[in-house]
Amino acid sequence: MLQLIKSYFTFLKNSTNQHGVHSPFVFSLVTKCFYDKTSYPEYKILNEYRNTLLQNQETIQVTDFGTGSRVFKSNTRKISAIAKNAGISKKRAELLFRIVRYFQPDSILEIGTSLGLATSALALGNPKAKITSLEGCSNTITIAKNQLQKFNINTVESINSEFSTFLKQIPLLGARGLELIYFDGNHSKKATLDYFELLLPTITNESVWIFDDIHWSKDMEEAWAEIKNHPKITVTIDTFQWGFVFFRREQQKEHFIIRV
């Protein structure tokens, strides 16, 4: 936790807003998406989705394939507690919706469904997009699937699989053109870099990759540093919670630290 606090103060010291951005591509993203103050009607749906989970007092047994939880001491957890402590925040769900709305990706991969809070934001951002969402825990994904169905979100293919097992199949299937990937699974350096390498064959010039919790630990900060320096990557944005990665060949290699 102390490391996270130190990282946040470093972020605040080095970060800027749109006035420190000279790239037209990034300036447009920041001003028209990150700082978009429009109250979209979809926000109400996202809020209702969240509230029904926060009111759910059922307990489930959670299988955690990642680095474990800093909040939960047991794998028997209330659904309401998972939604409150482990799910994407209201503010970030709205931002994720705006990101998908802004880029309009046709194909989206989410690594780590949990209860589907982020999944619903991805789906509402572009109702025509084909979304594949991976979750390792069978009990959690069952709740997510039921919840998505309840809110008539029918564009999501939910897959219960250990992440690397599924991702290893993607290049073999010749899958290309995953236009947006949201990495919110195993928050360890090794797993993050493994997923990164496994999915590189799918990139296009327009691909958008979002890594969650890039400052969660020293381990994750090291992973983020390696990702930023990869030769195929041109633009990266650190918003503290998320790391954005772009592969646009027409852009010069540049890193931005943006307050959101």
Protein backbone atom coordinates (compact mmCIF):
# COMPACT_ATOMS: atom_id res chain seq x y z
CA MET A 1 0.00 0.00 0.00
CA LEU A 2 2.87 2.38 0.82
CA GLN A 3 4.35 1.71 -2.61
CA LEU A 4 1.00 2.61 -4.22
CA ILE A 5 0.85 5.92 -2.33
CA LYS A 6 4.40 6.81 -3.35
CA SER A 7 3.59 5.95 -6.96
CA TYR A 8 0.50 8.16 -6.86
CA PHE A 9 2.42 11.19 -5.61
CA THR A 10 5.01 10.63 -8.34
CA PHE A 11 2.17 10.43 -10.86
CA LEU A 12 0.64 13.70 -9.63
CA LYS A 13 4.02 15.42 -9.85
CA ASN A 14 4.62 14.30 -13.44
CA SER A 15 1.10 14.31 -14.88
CA THR A 16 -0.59 16.95 -16.99
CA ASN A 17 -3.94 17.69 -18.65
CA GLN A 18 -4.70 18.51 -22.28
CA HIS A 19 -2.57 21.67 -22.14
CA GLY A 20 0.59 19.60 -21.92
CA VAL A 21 -0.28 17.47 -24.95
CA HIS A 22 1.06 18.35 -28.42
CA SER A 23 0.07 15.17 -30.27
CA PRO A 24 -3.19 15.84 -32.22
CA PHE A 25 -4.22 12.18 -31.77
CA VAL A 26 -3.77 12.23 -27.99
CA PHE A 27 -5.15 15.78 -27.61
CA SER A 28 -8.35 14.71 -29.36
CA LEU A 29 -8.64 11.59 -27.18
CA VAL A 30 -8.12 13.58 -23.98
CA THR A 31 -10.48 16.46 -24.80
CA LYS A 32 -13.24 14.57 -26.63
CA CYS A 33 -13.22 11.36 -24.59
CA PHE A 34 -11.32 11.49 -21.29
CA TYR A 35 -12.73 14.93 -20.37
CA ASP A 36 -16.13 14.53 -22.04
CA LYS A 37 -18.68 15.79 -19.47
CA THR A 38 -21.77 14.64 -21.38
CA SER A 39 -24.29 12.79 -19.22
CA TYR A 40 -24.97 9.83 -21.50
CA PRO A 41 -28.22 7.86 -20.97
CA GLU A 42 -26.16 4.66 -20.85
CA TYR A 43 -24.71 5.84 -17.52
CA LYS A 44 -28.10 5.16 -15.96
CA ILE A 45 -27.99 1.55 -17.20
CA LEU A 46 -24.45 1.12 -15.87
CA ASN A 47 -25.59 2.48 -12.51
CA GLU A 48 -28.59 0.15 -12.36
CA TYR A 49 -26.37 -2.80 -13.28
CA ARG A 50 -24.05 -1.88 -10.40
CA ASN A 51 -26.82 -1.28 -7.88
CA THR A 52 -28.47 -4.66 -8.44
CA LEU A 53 -25.12 -6.31 -7.66
CA LEU A 54 -24.56 -4.12 -4.59
CA GLN A 55 -27.95 -5.26 -3.29
CA ASN A 56 -27.20 -8.96 -3.88
CA GLN A 57 -26.37 -10.58 -0.52
CA GLU A 58 -25.76 -14.07 -1.92
CA THR A 59 -22.35 -15.64 -1.35
CA ILE A 60 -20.26 -17.55 -3.86
CA GLN A 61 -17.00 -19.47 -3.75
CA VAL A 62 -14.44 -17.57 -5.80
CA THR A 63 -11.54 -19.31 -7.53
CA ASP A 64 -8.71 -16.79 -7.84
CA PHE A 65 -6.03 -17.59 -10.42
CA GLY A 66 -4.27 -14.25 -10.02
CA THR A 67 -2.17 -12.55 -7.35
CA GLY A 68 -4.90 -12.71 -4.73
CA SER A 69 -6.97 -10.01 -3.06
CA ARG A 70 -5.83 -7.23 -0.74
CA VAL A 71 -9.40 -6.94 0.57
CA PHE A 72 -10.82 -10.45 0.91
CA LYS A 73 -9.37 -12.92 3.41
CA SER A 74 -11.60 -15.79 2.27
CA ASN A 75 -12.66 -17.20 -1.08
CA THR A 76 -16.28 -17.26 0.16
CA ARG A 77 -17.50 -13.80 -0.77
CA LYS A 78 -20.75 -11.84 -0.94
CA ILE A 79 -21.65 -10.69 -4.43
CA SER A 80 -22.32 -7.22 -3.03
CA ALA A 81 -18.82 -7.12 -1.53
CA ILE A 82 -17.21 -8.21 -4.81
CA ALA A 83 -19.08 -5.46 -6.66
CA LYS A 84 -18.05 -2.88 -4.06
CA ASN A 85 -14.40 -3.83 -3.61
CA ALA A 86 -13.25 -5.72 -6.69
CA GLY A 87 -15.35 -4.31 -9.50
CA ILE A 88 -14.54 -1.33 -11.70
CA SER A 89 -15.56 1.99 -10.11
CA LYS A 90 -18.51 4.05 -11.36
CA LYS A 91 -16.20 6.74 -12.74
CA ARG A 92 -13.99 4.27 -14.59
CA ALA A 93 -16.96 2.33 -15.98
CA GLU A 94 -18.23 5.56 -17.50
CA LEU A 95 -14.77 6.32 -18.90
CA LEU A 96 -14.52 2.83 -20.38
CA PHE A 97 -17.92 3.36 -22.03
CA ARG A 98 -16.67 6.65 -23.52
CA ILE A 99 -13.47 5.04 -24.79
CA VAL A 100 -15.42 2.39 -26.70
CA ARG A 101 -17.89 5.00 -27.92
CA TYR A 102 -14.98 7.16 -29.14
CA PHE A 103 -13.00 4.46 -30.97
CA GLN A 104 -15.99 2.29 -32.03
CA PRO A 105 -14.05 -1.01 -32.13
CA ASP A 106 -15.86 -3.87 -33.87
CA SER A 107 -14.09 -6.60 -31.89
CA ILE A 108 -13.24 -6.44 -28.18
CA LEU A 109 -11.48 -8.87 -25.85
CA GLU A 110 -11.80 -8.53 -22.09
CA ILE A 111 -9.43 -10.51 -19.88
CA GLY A 112 -11.19 -10.79 -16.53
CA THR A 113 -14.99 -10.57 -16.54
CA SER A 114 -15.58 -10.67 -12.79
CA LEU A 115 -19.25 -9.64 -12.34
CA GLY A 116 -19.46 -7.93 -15.73
CA LEU A 117 -19.34 -4.31 -14.56
CA ALA A 118 -16.67 -3.41 -17.11
CA THR A 119 -18.18 -5.81 -19.64
CA SER A 120 -21.45 -3.89 -19.62
CA ALA A 121 -19.57 -0.62 -20.23
CA LEU A 122 -17.71 -2.16 -23.17
CA ALA A 123 -20.96 -3.49 -24.66
CA LEU A 124 -22.94 -0.28 -24.25
CA GLY A 125 -20.13 1.78 -25.80
CA ASN A 126 -20.67 0.01 -29.12
CA PRO A 127 -23.77 -2.23 -29.25
CA LYS A 128 -22.60 -3.62 -32.62
CA ALA A 129 -19.22 -4.82 -31.34
CA LYS A 130 -18.44 -8.50 -30.89
CA ILE A 131 -17.14 -8.92 -27.36
CA THR A 132 -15.29 -11.92 -25.97
CA SER A 133 -14.91 -11.88 -22.19
CA LEU A 134 -12.71 -14.35 -20.29
CA GLU A 135 -13.17 -15.37 -16.66
CA GLY A 136 -11.37 -18.10 -14.76
CA CYS A 137 -13.93 -18.54 -11.96
CA SER A 138 -17.02 -20.51 -13.00
CA ASN A 139 -19.19 -19.15 -10.17
CA THR A 140 -18.34 -15.54 -10.94
CA ILE A 141 -18.93 -15.85 -14.67
CA THR A 142 -22.34 -17.44 -14.02
CA ILE A 143 -23.39 -14.33 -12.09
CA ALA A 144 -22.03 -12.09 -14.85
CA LYS A 145 -23.84 -13.98 -17.62
CA ASN A 146 -27.14 -13.82 -15.75
CA GLN A 147 -26.65 -10.13 -15.04
CA LEU A 148 -25.82 -9.29 -18.65
CA GLN A 149 -28.88 -11.22 -19.82
CA LYS A 150 -31.05 -9.37 -17.30
CA PHE A 151 -29.98 -6.08 -18.88
CA ASN A 152 -30.47 -7.37 -22.46
CA ILE A 153 -26.76 -7.19 -23.25
CA ASN A 154 -26.51 -9.94 -25.85
CA THR A 155 -23.29 -9.16 -27.74
CA VAL A 156 -20.94 -10.79 -25.22
CA GLU A 157 -19.47 -14.26 -25.58
CA SER A 158 -18.53 -15.28 -22.03
CA ILE A 159 -15.79 -17.89 -21.82
CA ASN A 160 -14.84 -19.72 -18.63
CA SER A 161 -11.16 -20.52 -19.03
CA GLU A 162 -7.78 -20.00 -17.43
CA PHE A 163 -6.54 -16.97 -19.36
CA SER A 164 -3.27 -18.22 -20.84
CA THR A 165 -4.91 -21.48 -21.95
CA PHE A 166 -7.38 -19.56 -24.10
CA LEU A 167 -4.97 -16.86 -25.28
CA LYS A 168 -2.49 -19.44 -26.58
CA GLN A 169 -5.20 -20.57 -29.02
CA ILE A 170 -5.76 -17.13 -30.55
CA PRO A 171 -2.69 -16.98 -32.85
CA LEU A 172 -3.27 -20.62 -33.84
CA LEU A 173 -6.78 -19.71 -34.95
CA GLY A 174 -5.36 -16.94 -37.11
CA ALA A 175 -7.35 -14.36 -35.19
CA ARG A 176 -6.40 -10.84 -36.17
CA GLY A 177 -7.94 -7.46 -35.79
CA LEU A 178 -8.88 -7.45 -32.11
CA GLU A 179 -9.44 -3.73 -32.09
CA LEU A 180 -9.65 -3.21 -28.33
CA ILE A 181 -8.29 -5.39 -25.53
CA TYR A 182 -8.97 -4.67 -21.85
CA PHE A 183 -6.45 -6.44 -19.60
CA ASP A 184 -7.94 -6.84 -16.11
CA GLY A 185 -6.91 -10.32 -15.09
CA ASN A 186 -3.83 -11.63 -13.34
CA HIS A 187 -1.98 -8.60 -11.95
CA SER A 188 1.50 -10.07 -11.95
CA LYS A 189 4.44 -9.06 -14.11
CA LYS A 190 4.92 -12.49 -15.66
CA ALA A 191 1.26 -13.04 -16.51
CA THR A 192 0.82 -9.52 -17.90
CA LEU A 193 3.86 -9.83 -20.16
CA ASP A 194 2.84 -13.35 -21.21
CA TYR A 195 -0.61 -12.11 -22.27
CA PHE A 196 1.01 -9.16 -24.04
CA GLU A 197 3.28 -11.42 -26.10
CA LEU A 198 0.53 -13.94 -26.87
CA LEU A 199 -1.74 -11.21 -28.25
CA LEU A 200 0.82 -9.27 -30.30
CA PRO A 201 -0.06 -11.26 -33.47
CA THR A 202 -3.57 -9.75 -33.35
CA ILE A 203 -2.55 -6.09 -33.53
CA THR A 204 -3.50 -3.69 -36.29
CA ASN A 205 -2.59 -0.05 -36.74
CA GLU A 206 -5.82 0.92 -34.97
CA SER A 207 -5.58 -1.46 -31.99
CA VAL A 208 -6.24 -0.02 -28.53
CA TRP A 209 -4.95 -1.91 -25.49
CA ILE A 210 -5.84 -0.94 -21.94
CA PHE A 211 -3.94 -2.38 -18.97
CA ASP A 212 -5.61 -2.12 -15.56
CA ASP A 213 -3.73 -1.45 -12.30
CA ILE A 214 -0.36 -0.59 -13.83
CA HIS A 215 0.80 0.82 -10.46
CA TRP A 216 -0.81 -1.91 -8.32
CA SER A 217 2.62 -3.24 -7.32
CA LYS A 218 6.30 -2.85 -8.13
CA ASP A 219 5.85 -5.98 -10.21
CA MET A 220 3.16 -4.34 -12.35
CA GLU A 221 5.16 -1.14 -12.73
CA GLU A 222 8.04 -3.20 -14.10
CA ALA A 223 5.67 -4.91 -16.55
CA TRP A 224 4.33 -1.51 -17.66
CA ALA A 225 7.87 -0.19 -18.18
CA GLU A 226 8.70 -3.14 -20.45
CA ILE A 227 5.48 -2.74 -22.41
CA LYS A 228 6.11 0.99 -22.98
CA ASN A 229 9.53 0.25 -24.43
CA HIS A 230 8.39 -2.46 -26.85
CA PRO A 231 9.43 -1.56 -30.44
CA LYS A 232 5.96 -2.18 -31.90
CA ILE A 233 4.36 0.38 -29.60
CA THR A 234 4.33 4.05 -30.52
CA VAL A 235 2.05 5.88 -28.07
CA THR A 236 1.41 5.09 -24.41
CA ILE A 237 -0.69 6.97 -21.87
CA ASP A 238 -0.48 6.53 -18.09
CA THR A 239 -3.65 7.63 -16.26
CA PHE A 240 -2.38 5.98 -13.06
CA GLN A 241 -5.15 3.38 -12.89
CA TRP A 242 -4.84 2.42 -16.56
CA GLY A 243 -2.10 2.22 -19.12
CA PHE A 244 -3.16 2.85 -22.74
CA VAL A 245 -1.15 1.36 -25.60
CA PHE A 246 -1.35 2.28 -29.29
CA PHE A 247 0.44 0.83 -32.31
CA ARG A 248 -0.12 3.66 -34.80
CA ARG A 249 2.76 3.56 -37.27
CA GLU A 250 2.25 7.20 -38.28
CA GLN A 251 2.95 8.36 -34.71
CA GLN A 252 6.37 9.02 -33.26
CA LYS A 253 7.15 7.09 -30.08
CA GLU A 254 5.89 9.14 -27.17
CA HIS A 255 4.67 8.61 -23.61
CA PHE A 256 2.07 10.74 -21.84
CA ILE A 257 1.05 10.97 -18.18
CA ILE A 258 -2.50 12.33 -18.02
CA ARG A 259 -4.75 13.14 -15.07
CA VAL A 260 -8.28 11.82 -15.63
